C-alpha cells in the first residue's frame, strides 16, 4: 500500500531541493551580470546581457518550483475505490506494470518525477500529459490507448487507489 501523504512529502522535498538549486543558479547568474568583469569593453561584448537573461530564466524556474510546491501543499488527497473514476491524486496501475510494481500518481505538477516508496515504483503524471489525459475519467478495468511519441500504448487499469 502506498501512503499518499508520505508520497506528497517526498515530492515536495524533491521540488524544494530543485528550487534551492535554481535559487543558487539565479544568484550566481545575477552576480555575474553585475560583476565588474562583465562590463562590456566593446559593443560586441554581451557577457553581462547574457548573464542577466540567464538570471531572469533561473528566477522564472524558482517561481515555477515554488508554485508546484504550493500546488502539492494544497492538494486534497482522495482515496479511490473500484467504483471511482480516475482524478487528481489517484494512484493508477496498468496491467503491463503490475509485475514491476509501477504506479502512476495523478498530480497537479512535477510530471515525470519518479521515486520508489514501499517497494513500489511511482511516476508522477499531470492531467495534461498524454497518459494523464488517457487515464482521467476512466475506471477499474477500463481500456486505455495513448500515443507516447511514435508508439501506441494499449492497456487497461487493474488497480486504483
N, C-alpha and C. Protein backbone atom coordinates (compact mmCIF):
# COMPACT_ATOMS: atom_id res chain seq x y z
N UNK A 1 0.84 -1.18 0.00
CA UNK A 1 0.00 0.00 0.00
C UNK A 1 0.88 1.24 0.00
N UNK A 2 0.51 2.22 -0.79
CA UNK A 2 1.28 3.46 -0.89
C UNK A 2 0.62 4.52 -0.04
N UNK A 3 1.39 5.11 0.85
CA UNK A 3 0.91 6.19 1.70
C UNK A 3 1.01 7.49 0.89
N UNK A 4 -0.12 8.05 0.50
CA UNK A 4 -0.12 9.25 -0.34
C UNK A 4 0.45 10.46 0.38
N UNK A 5 0.25 10.55 1.68
CA UNK A 5 0.80 11.68 2.44
C UNK A 5 2.33 11.63 2.38
N UNK A 6 2.88 10.44 2.58
CA UNK A 6 4.32 10.26 2.50
C UNK A 6 4.83 10.54 1.09
N UNK A 7 4.09 10.10 0.08
CA UNK A 7 4.46 10.34 -1.31
C UNK A 7 4.52 11.84 -1.60
N UNK A 8 3.52 12.57 -1.17
CA UNK A 8 3.50 14.02 -1.39
C UNK A 8 4.67 14.68 -0.68
N UNK A 9 5.01 14.22 0.52
CA UNK A 9 6.16 14.77 1.24
C UNK A 9 7.46 14.53 0.48
N UNK A 10 7.61 13.36 -0.12
CA UNK A 10 8.80 13.04 -0.91
C UNK A 10 8.87 13.97 -2.12
N UNK A 11 7.75 14.19 -2.77
CA UNK A 11 7.70 15.06 -3.96
C UNK A 11 8.04 16.50 -3.56
N UNK A 12 7.44 16.99 -2.49
CA UNK A 12 7.71 18.36 -2.03
C UNK A 12 9.19 18.53 -1.66
N UNK A 13 9.76 17.55 -1.00
CA UNK A 13 11.19 17.64 -0.64
C UNK A 13 12.06 17.71 -1.89
N UNK A 14 11.72 16.94 -2.91
CA UNK A 14 12.48 16.97 -4.16
C UNK A 14 12.32 18.32 -4.86
N UNK A 15 11.09 18.83 -4.89
CA UNK A 15 10.84 20.14 -5.50
C UNK A 15 11.58 21.24 -4.75
N UNK A 16 11.62 21.17 -3.42
CA UNK A 16 12.32 22.17 -2.61
C UNK A 16 13.82 22.14 -2.91
N UNK A 17 14.37 20.94 -3.08
CA UNK A 17 15.78 20.81 -3.42
C UNK A 17 16.07 21.43 -4.79
N UNK A 18 15.21 21.14 -5.76
CA UNK A 18 15.38 21.71 -7.10
C UNK A 18 15.19 23.23 -7.08
N UNK A 19 14.24 23.70 -6.27
CA UNK A 19 14.04 25.15 -6.15
C UNK A 19 15.30 25.80 -5.60
N UNK A 20 15.92 25.19 -4.57
CA UNK A 20 17.14 25.77 -3.99
C UNK A 20 18.26 25.80 -5.01
N UNK A 21 18.38 24.75 -5.82
CA UNK A 21 19.40 24.74 -6.87
C UNK A 21 19.15 25.87 -7.88
N UNK A 22 17.88 26.11 -8.20
CA UNK A 22 17.54 27.20 -9.12
C UNK A 22 17.82 28.55 -8.48
N UNK A 23 17.56 28.70 -7.19
CA UNK A 23 17.87 29.95 -6.46
C UNK A 23 19.37 30.20 -6.52
N UNK A 24 20.16 29.17 -6.24
CA UNK A 24 21.62 29.31 -6.27
C UNK A 24 22.10 29.70 -7.67
N UNK A 25 21.53 29.07 -8.69
CA UNK A 25 21.92 29.38 -10.08
C UNK A 25 21.51 30.81 -10.45
N UNK A 26 20.34 31.24 -10.00
CA UNK A 26 19.89 32.60 -10.28
C UNK A 26 20.79 33.61 -9.59
N UNK A 27 21.17 33.32 -8.36
CA UNK A 27 22.06 34.23 -7.64
C UNK A 27 23.43 34.33 -8.31
N UNK A 28 23.94 33.19 -8.76
CA UNK A 28 25.23 33.20 -9.47
C UNK A 28 25.13 33.98 -10.77
N UNK A 29 24.06 33.79 -11.51
CA UNK A 29 23.89 34.50 -12.78
C UNK A 29 23.72 35.99 -12.53
N UNK A 30 22.98 36.35 -11.48
CA UNK A 30 22.80 37.77 -11.16
C UNK A 30 24.14 38.40 -10.77
N UNK A 31 24.92 37.68 -9.96
CA UNK A 31 26.23 38.18 -9.57
C UNK A 31 27.13 38.37 -10.79
N UNK A 32 27.05 37.44 -11.73
CA UNK A 32 27.86 37.55 -12.95
C UNK A 32 27.41 38.74 -13.79
N UNK A 33 26.11 39.02 -13.79
CA UNK A 33 25.59 40.12 -14.60
C UNK A 33 26.04 41.48 -14.09
N UNK A 34 26.23 41.61 -12.78
CA UNK A 34 26.61 42.90 -12.21
C UNK A 34 28.09 42.97 -11.83
N UNK A 35 28.83 41.92 -12.08
CA UNK A 35 30.25 41.88 -11.75
C UNK A 35 31.05 42.86 -12.61
N UNK A 36 32.07 43.45 -12.03
CA UNK A 36 32.92 44.38 -12.76
C UNK A 36 33.57 43.72 -13.99
N UNK A 37 33.84 42.43 -13.90
CA UNK A 37 34.46 41.72 -15.01
C UNK A 37 33.51 41.57 -16.20
N UNK A 38 32.21 41.78 -15.96
CA UNK A 38 31.21 41.61 -17.03
C UNK A 38 30.93 42.90 -17.79
N UNK A 39 31.54 43.99 -17.38
CA UNK A 39 31.31 45.27 -18.05
C UNK A 39 31.76 45.15 -19.50
N UNK A 40 30.91 45.59 -20.40
CA UNK A 40 31.20 45.48 -21.83
C UNK A 40 32.39 46.36 -22.19
N UNK A 41 33.35 45.78 -22.90
CA UNK A 41 34.51 46.54 -23.36
C UNK A 41 34.31 47.03 -24.78
N UNK A 42 33.49 46.32 -25.52
CA UNK A 42 33.15 46.75 -26.88
C UNK A 42 31.65 46.54 -27.07
N UNK A 43 31.15 47.04 -28.19
CA UNK A 43 29.71 46.87 -28.45
C UNK A 43 29.34 45.42 -28.71
N UNK A 44 30.33 44.57 -28.95
CA UNK A 44 30.07 43.16 -29.23
C UNK A 44 30.21 42.29 -27.98
N UNK A 45 30.60 42.88 -26.90
CA UNK A 45 30.78 42.16 -25.64
C UNK A 45 29.42 42.07 -24.94
N UNK A 46 28.85 40.89 -24.91
CA UNK A 46 27.48 40.71 -24.40
C UNK A 46 27.41 39.84 -23.16
N UNK A 47 28.52 39.67 -22.47
CA UNK A 47 28.55 38.78 -21.32
C UNK A 47 27.54 39.19 -20.24
N UNK A 48 27.49 40.47 -19.91
CA UNK A 48 26.56 40.94 -18.87
C UNK A 48 25.11 40.74 -19.30
N UNK A 49 24.82 40.99 -20.56
CA UNK A 49 23.45 40.82 -21.06
C UNK A 49 23.06 39.35 -21.00
N UNK A 50 23.95 38.48 -21.43
CA UNK A 50 23.67 37.05 -21.39
C UNK A 50 23.46 36.57 -19.95
N UNK A 51 24.28 37.05 -19.03
CA UNK A 51 24.14 36.66 -17.62
C UNK A 51 22.81 37.15 -17.06
N UNK A 52 22.37 38.35 -17.46
CA UNK A 52 21.08 38.85 -16.95
C UNK A 52 19.92 38.03 -17.50
N UNK A 53 20.01 37.61 -18.77
CA UNK A 53 18.97 36.74 -19.33
C UNK A 53 18.93 35.41 -18.58
N UNK A 54 20.12 34.88 -18.29
CA UNK A 54 20.19 33.62 -17.55
C UNK A 54 19.60 33.78 -16.15
N UNK A 55 19.91 34.90 -15.48
CA UNK A 55 19.35 35.16 -14.15
C UNK A 55 17.83 35.25 -14.22
N UNK A 56 17.32 35.90 -15.24
CA UNK A 56 15.86 36.02 -15.39
C UNK A 56 15.22 34.64 -15.60
N UNK A 57 15.82 33.81 -16.43
CA UNK A 57 15.30 32.47 -16.67
C UNK A 57 15.33 31.62 -15.40
N UNK A 58 16.42 31.71 -14.66
CA UNK A 58 16.52 30.95 -13.42
C UNK A 58 15.50 31.44 -12.40
N UNK A 59 15.25 32.74 -12.37
CA UNK A 59 14.24 33.29 -11.46
C UNK A 59 12.86 32.75 -11.81
N UNK A 60 12.58 32.61 -13.09
CA UNK A 60 11.29 32.01 -13.51
C UNK A 60 11.19 30.57 -13.05
N UNK A 61 12.30 29.83 -13.14
CA UNK A 61 12.31 28.44 -12.67
C UNK A 61 12.02 28.38 -11.18
N UNK A 62 12.61 29.30 -10.41
CA UNK A 62 12.36 29.35 -8.97
C UNK A 62 10.87 29.53 -8.72
N UNK A 63 10.24 30.45 -9.45
CA UNK A 63 8.80 30.71 -9.28
C UNK A 63 7.98 29.47 -9.66
N UNK A 64 8.39 28.76 -10.71
CA UNK A 64 7.67 27.55 -11.11
C UNK A 64 7.77 26.46 -10.04
N UNK A 65 8.96 26.29 -9.49
CA UNK A 65 9.12 25.30 -8.41
C UNK A 65 8.29 25.69 -7.19
N UNK A 66 8.29 26.98 -6.86
CA UNK A 66 7.50 27.45 -5.72
C UNK A 66 6.02 27.19 -5.94
N UNK A 67 5.54 27.45 -7.17
CA UNK A 67 4.13 27.19 -7.47
C UNK A 67 3.81 25.70 -7.37
N UNK A 68 4.71 24.85 -7.85
CA UNK A 68 4.49 23.40 -7.76
C UNK A 68 4.43 22.95 -6.31
N UNK A 69 5.32 23.50 -5.48
CA UNK A 69 5.29 23.15 -4.05
C UNK A 69 3.96 23.57 -3.43
N UNK A 70 3.50 24.77 -3.75
CA UNK A 70 2.22 25.24 -3.22
C UNK A 70 1.06 24.38 -3.72
N UNK A 71 1.14 23.94 -4.98
CA UNK A 71 0.10 23.05 -5.53
C UNK A 71 0.03 21.75 -4.73
N UNK A 72 1.18 21.18 -4.40
CA UNK A 72 1.19 19.94 -3.63
C UNK A 72 0.76 20.15 -2.18
N UNK A 73 1.17 21.28 -1.60
CA UNK A 73 0.76 21.56 -0.23
C UNK A 73 -0.76 21.74 -0.12
N UNK A 74 -1.39 22.22 -1.18
CA UNK A 74 -2.84 22.41 -1.18
C UNK A 74 -3.62 21.25 -1.77
N UNK A 75 -2.92 20.21 -2.21
CA UNK A 75 -3.59 19.08 -2.85
C UNK A 75 -4.42 18.29 -1.84
N UNK A 76 -5.68 18.14 -2.14
CA UNK A 76 -6.55 17.33 -1.30
C UNK A 76 -6.46 15.89 -1.80
N UNK A 77 -5.95 15.04 -0.94
CA UNK A 77 -5.77 13.64 -1.32
C UNK A 77 -7.08 12.88 -1.18
N UNK A 78 -7.40 12.13 -2.20
CA UNK A 78 -8.59 11.28 -2.18
C UNK A 78 -8.13 9.84 -2.29
N UNK A 79 -8.90 8.97 -1.71
CA UNK A 79 -8.63 7.53 -1.84
C UNK A 79 -9.74 6.94 -2.68
N UNK A 80 -9.36 6.19 -3.67
CA UNK A 80 -10.28 5.73 -4.69
C UNK A 80 -10.65 4.27 -4.47
N UNK A 81 -11.89 3.94 -4.81
CA UNK A 81 -12.37 2.57 -4.77
C UNK A 81 -12.58 2.10 -6.21
N UNK A 82 -12.99 0.88 -6.35
CA UNK A 82 -13.21 0.31 -7.68
C UNK A 82 -14.30 1.04 -8.45
N UNK A 83 -15.17 1.75 -7.77
CA UNK A 83 -16.27 2.44 -8.43
C UNK A 83 -15.92 3.87 -8.85
N UNK A 84 -14.82 4.41 -8.34
CA UNK A 84 -14.44 5.79 -8.65
C UNK A 84 -13.83 5.92 -10.03
N UNK A 85 -13.90 7.15 -10.54
CA UNK A 85 -13.20 7.48 -11.78
C UNK A 85 -11.84 8.08 -11.42
N UNK A 86 -10.88 7.86 -12.28
CA UNK A 86 -9.55 8.41 -12.08
C UNK A 86 -9.63 9.93 -12.10
N UNK A 87 -9.03 10.55 -11.09
CA UNK A 87 -9.00 12.01 -10.97
C UNK A 87 -7.70 12.40 -10.27
N UNK A 88 -7.56 13.70 -10.02
CA UNK A 88 -6.38 14.21 -9.34
C UNK A 88 -6.17 13.48 -8.01
N UNK A 89 -4.98 13.10 -7.72
CA UNK A 89 -4.49 12.38 -6.53
C UNK A 89 -4.72 10.86 -6.61
N UNK A 90 -5.15 10.37 -7.75
CA UNK A 90 -5.32 8.92 -7.90
C UNK A 90 -3.98 8.24 -8.15
N UNK A 91 -3.85 7.06 -7.62
CA UNK A 91 -2.75 6.16 -7.95
C UNK A 91 -3.34 5.09 -8.86
N UNK A 92 -2.76 4.94 -10.03
CA UNK A 92 -3.31 4.04 -11.05
C UNK A 92 -2.23 3.05 -11.48
N UNK A 93 -2.63 1.79 -11.58
CA UNK A 93 -1.71 0.78 -12.08
C UNK A 93 -2.33 0.13 -13.32
N UNK A 94 -1.51 0.00 -14.36
CA UNK A 94 -1.94 -0.66 -15.59
C UNK A 94 -1.48 -2.11 -15.57
N UNK A 95 -2.13 -2.94 -16.35
CA UNK A 95 -1.83 -4.38 -16.31
C UNK A 95 -0.37 -4.69 -16.65
N UNK A 96 0.19 -3.99 -17.63
CA UNK A 96 1.58 -4.25 -18.01
C UNK A 96 2.58 -3.84 -16.93
N UNK A 97 2.13 -3.03 -15.97
CA UNK A 97 3.03 -2.52 -14.93
C UNK A 97 2.95 -3.29 -13.62
N UNK A 98 2.07 -4.27 -13.54
CA UNK A 98 1.89 -4.97 -12.26
C UNK A 98 3.12 -5.78 -11.87
N UNK A 99 3.83 -6.35 -12.81
CA UNK A 99 5.00 -7.17 -12.49
C UNK A 99 6.16 -6.33 -11.96
N UNK A 100 6.18 -5.04 -12.30
CA UNK A 100 7.25 -4.16 -11.84
C UNK A 100 6.81 -3.26 -10.69
N UNK A 101 5.60 -3.49 -10.18
CA UNK A 101 5.06 -2.67 -9.09
C UNK A 101 5.09 -1.19 -9.44
N UNK A 102 4.70 -0.86 -10.66
CA UNK A 102 4.74 0.52 -11.13
C UNK A 102 3.35 1.14 -11.07
N UNK A 103 3.29 2.37 -10.54
CA UNK A 103 2.04 3.12 -10.41
C UNK A 103 2.21 4.50 -11.02
N UNK A 104 1.11 5.08 -11.49
CA UNK A 104 1.07 6.47 -11.90
C UNK A 104 0.33 7.25 -10.83
N UNK A 105 0.89 8.39 -10.43
CA UNK A 105 0.24 9.28 -9.47
C UNK A 105 -0.19 10.52 -10.23
N UNK A 106 -1.50 10.77 -10.27
CA UNK A 106 -2.03 11.92 -10.99
C UNK A 106 -1.91 13.14 -10.08
N UNK A 107 -1.10 14.10 -10.49
CA UNK A 107 -0.78 15.25 -9.64
C UNK A 107 -0.87 16.56 -10.43
N UNK A 108 -0.96 17.69 -9.70
CA UNK A 108 -1.10 18.97 -10.39
C UNK A 108 0.19 19.48 -11.02
N UNK A 109 1.34 18.93 -10.63
CA UNK A 109 2.64 19.41 -11.12
C UNK A 109 3.66 18.29 -10.98
N UNK A 110 4.90 18.59 -11.34
CA UNK A 110 6.03 17.66 -11.19
C UNK A 110 5.91 16.43 -12.08
N UNK A 111 5.27 16.58 -13.23
CA UNK A 111 5.15 15.47 -14.17
C UNK A 111 6.52 14.93 -14.55
N UNK A 112 6.65 13.62 -14.54
CA UNK A 112 7.90 12.96 -14.87
C UNK A 112 8.73 12.59 -13.66
N UNK A 113 8.39 13.14 -12.50
CA UNK A 113 9.12 12.79 -11.28
C UNK A 113 8.91 11.30 -11.00
N UNK A 114 9.99 10.63 -10.64
CA UNK A 114 9.93 9.20 -10.32
C UNK A 114 10.53 8.96 -8.95
N UNK A 115 9.94 8.03 -8.23
CA UNK A 115 10.51 7.64 -6.93
C UNK A 115 10.07 6.22 -6.62
N UNK A 116 10.65 5.70 -5.56
CA UNK A 116 10.27 4.39 -5.07
C UNK A 116 9.85 4.55 -3.62
N UNK A 117 8.70 3.99 -3.28
CA UNK A 117 8.16 4.10 -1.94
C UNK A 117 7.53 2.76 -1.58
N UNK A 118 7.98 2.18 -0.50
CA UNK A 118 7.48 0.86 -0.05
C UNK A 118 7.55 -0.18 -1.16
N UNK A 119 8.68 -0.24 -1.83
CA UNK A 119 8.92 -1.19 -2.93
C UNK A 119 7.96 -1.01 -4.11
N UNK A 120 7.38 0.17 -4.21
CA UNK A 120 6.50 0.49 -5.34
C UNK A 120 7.18 1.58 -6.16
N UNK A 121 7.22 1.41 -7.46
CA UNK A 121 7.78 2.42 -8.35
C UNK A 121 6.66 3.37 -8.76
N UNK A 122 6.90 4.66 -8.58
CA UNK A 122 5.85 5.65 -8.83
C UNK A 122 6.35 6.69 -9.81
N UNK A 123 5.52 6.99 -10.80
CA UNK A 123 5.78 8.08 -11.74
C UNK A 123 4.66 9.09 -11.61
N UNK A 124 5.04 10.34 -11.41
CA UNK A 124 4.05 11.42 -11.32
C UNK A 124 3.70 11.86 -12.74
N UNK A 125 2.41 11.95 -13.00
CA UNK A 125 1.94 12.49 -14.28
C UNK A 125 0.89 13.56 -14.00
N UNK A 126 0.77 14.50 -14.90
CA UNK A 126 -0.24 15.54 -14.75
C UNK A 126 -1.44 15.20 -15.65
N UNK A 127 -2.60 15.77 -15.34
CA UNK A 127 -3.77 15.52 -16.19
C UNK A 127 -3.57 16.00 -17.63
N UNK A 128 -2.63 16.94 -17.84
CA UNK A 128 -2.39 17.48 -19.18
C UNK A 128 -1.48 16.61 -20.03
N UNK A 129 -0.80 15.65 -19.42
CA UNK A 129 0.11 14.77 -20.16
C UNK A 129 -0.71 13.78 -20.99
N UNK A 130 -0.10 13.20 -22.02
CA UNK A 130 -0.84 12.20 -22.82
C UNK A 130 -1.39 11.05 -21.97
N UNK A 131 -0.56 10.52 -21.05
CA UNK A 131 -1.03 9.42 -20.21
C UNK A 131 -2.11 9.92 -19.26
N UNK A 132 -1.92 11.11 -18.70
CA UNK A 132 -2.93 11.69 -17.81
C UNK A 132 -4.27 11.85 -18.51
N UNK A 133 -4.25 12.37 -19.74
CA UNK A 133 -5.50 12.54 -20.50
C UNK A 133 -6.16 11.20 -20.78
N UNK A 134 -5.33 10.17 -21.00
CA UNK A 134 -5.89 8.84 -21.28
C UNK A 134 -6.52 8.23 -20.03
N UNK A 135 -6.01 8.57 -18.85
CA UNK A 135 -6.49 7.95 -17.61
C UNK A 135 -7.64 8.71 -16.94
N UNK A 136 -7.64 10.02 -17.00
CA UNK A 136 -8.66 10.82 -16.30
C UNK A 136 -10.06 10.40 -16.76
N UNK A 137 -10.90 10.15 -15.78
CA UNK A 137 -12.29 9.77 -16.06
C UNK A 137 -12.50 8.27 -16.27
N UNK A 138 -11.42 7.51 -16.34
CA UNK A 138 -11.54 6.06 -16.52
C UNK A 138 -11.77 5.39 -15.17
N UNK A 139 -12.17 4.12 -15.23
CA UNK A 139 -12.40 3.33 -14.02
C UNK A 139 -11.64 2.02 -14.11
N UNK A 140 -11.68 1.28 -13.01
CA UNK A 140 -11.06 -0.03 -12.97
C UNK A 140 -11.52 -0.88 -14.15
N UNK A 141 -10.60 -1.58 -14.78
CA UNK A 141 -10.82 -2.48 -15.92
C UNK A 141 -11.09 -1.75 -17.24
N UNK A 142 -11.10 -0.41 -17.24
CA UNK A 142 -11.28 0.32 -18.49
C UNK A 142 -10.01 0.22 -19.33
N UNK A 143 -10.20 0.13 -20.64
CA UNK A 143 -9.08 0.13 -21.57
C UNK A 143 -8.60 1.56 -21.77
N UNK A 144 -7.30 1.68 -21.98
CA UNK A 144 -6.74 2.99 -22.34
C UNK A 144 -5.91 2.82 -23.60
N UNK A 145 -5.81 3.90 -24.33
CA UNK A 145 -5.00 3.93 -25.54
C UNK A 145 -4.34 5.30 -25.56
N UNK A 146 -3.02 5.31 -25.69
CA UNK A 146 -2.30 6.58 -25.67
C UNK A 146 -1.10 6.50 -26.60
N UNK A 147 -0.84 7.62 -27.28
CA UNK A 147 0.35 7.71 -28.12
C UNK A 147 1.47 8.32 -27.29
N UNK A 148 2.55 7.58 -27.13
CA UNK A 148 3.74 8.07 -26.44
C UNK A 148 4.82 8.16 -27.52
N UNK A 149 5.05 9.36 -27.99
CA UNK A 149 5.95 9.54 -29.13
C UNK A 149 5.30 8.89 -30.35
N UNK A 150 6.03 7.99 -31.00
CA UNK A 150 5.50 7.28 -32.16
C UNK A 150 4.89 5.94 -31.78
N UNK A 151 4.91 5.61 -30.49
CA UNK A 151 4.41 4.31 -30.04
C UNK A 151 2.99 4.42 -29.49
N UNK A 152 2.17 3.48 -29.88
CA UNK A 152 0.80 3.41 -29.37
C UNK A 152 0.77 2.40 -28.23
N UNK A 153 0.34 2.88 -27.06
CA UNK A 153 0.26 2.02 -25.89
C UNK A 153 -1.20 1.67 -25.65
N UNK A 154 -1.49 0.38 -25.58
CA UNK A 154 -2.83 -0.09 -25.28
C UNK A 154 -2.74 -0.95 -24.03
N UNK A 155 -3.58 -0.65 -23.05
CA UNK A 155 -3.52 -1.36 -21.78
C UNK A 155 -4.86 -1.19 -21.09
N UNK A 156 -4.95 -1.66 -19.85
CA UNK A 156 -6.16 -1.44 -19.06
C UNK A 156 -5.79 -1.28 -17.60
N UNK A 157 -6.68 -0.62 -16.87
CA UNK A 157 -6.44 -0.31 -15.46
C UNK A 157 -6.77 -1.53 -14.62
N UNK A 158 -5.77 -1.96 -13.82
CA UNK A 158 -6.02 -3.12 -12.95
C UNK A 158 -6.12 -2.75 -11.47
N UNK A 159 -5.65 -1.55 -11.13
CA UNK A 159 -5.72 -1.12 -9.73
C UNK A 159 -5.87 0.39 -9.65
N UNK A 160 -6.63 0.81 -8.67
CA UNK A 160 -6.90 2.22 -8.46
C UNK A 160 -6.93 2.48 -6.96
N UNK A 161 -6.17 3.49 -6.53
CA UNK A 161 -6.10 3.78 -5.10
C UNK A 161 -6.16 5.29 -4.92
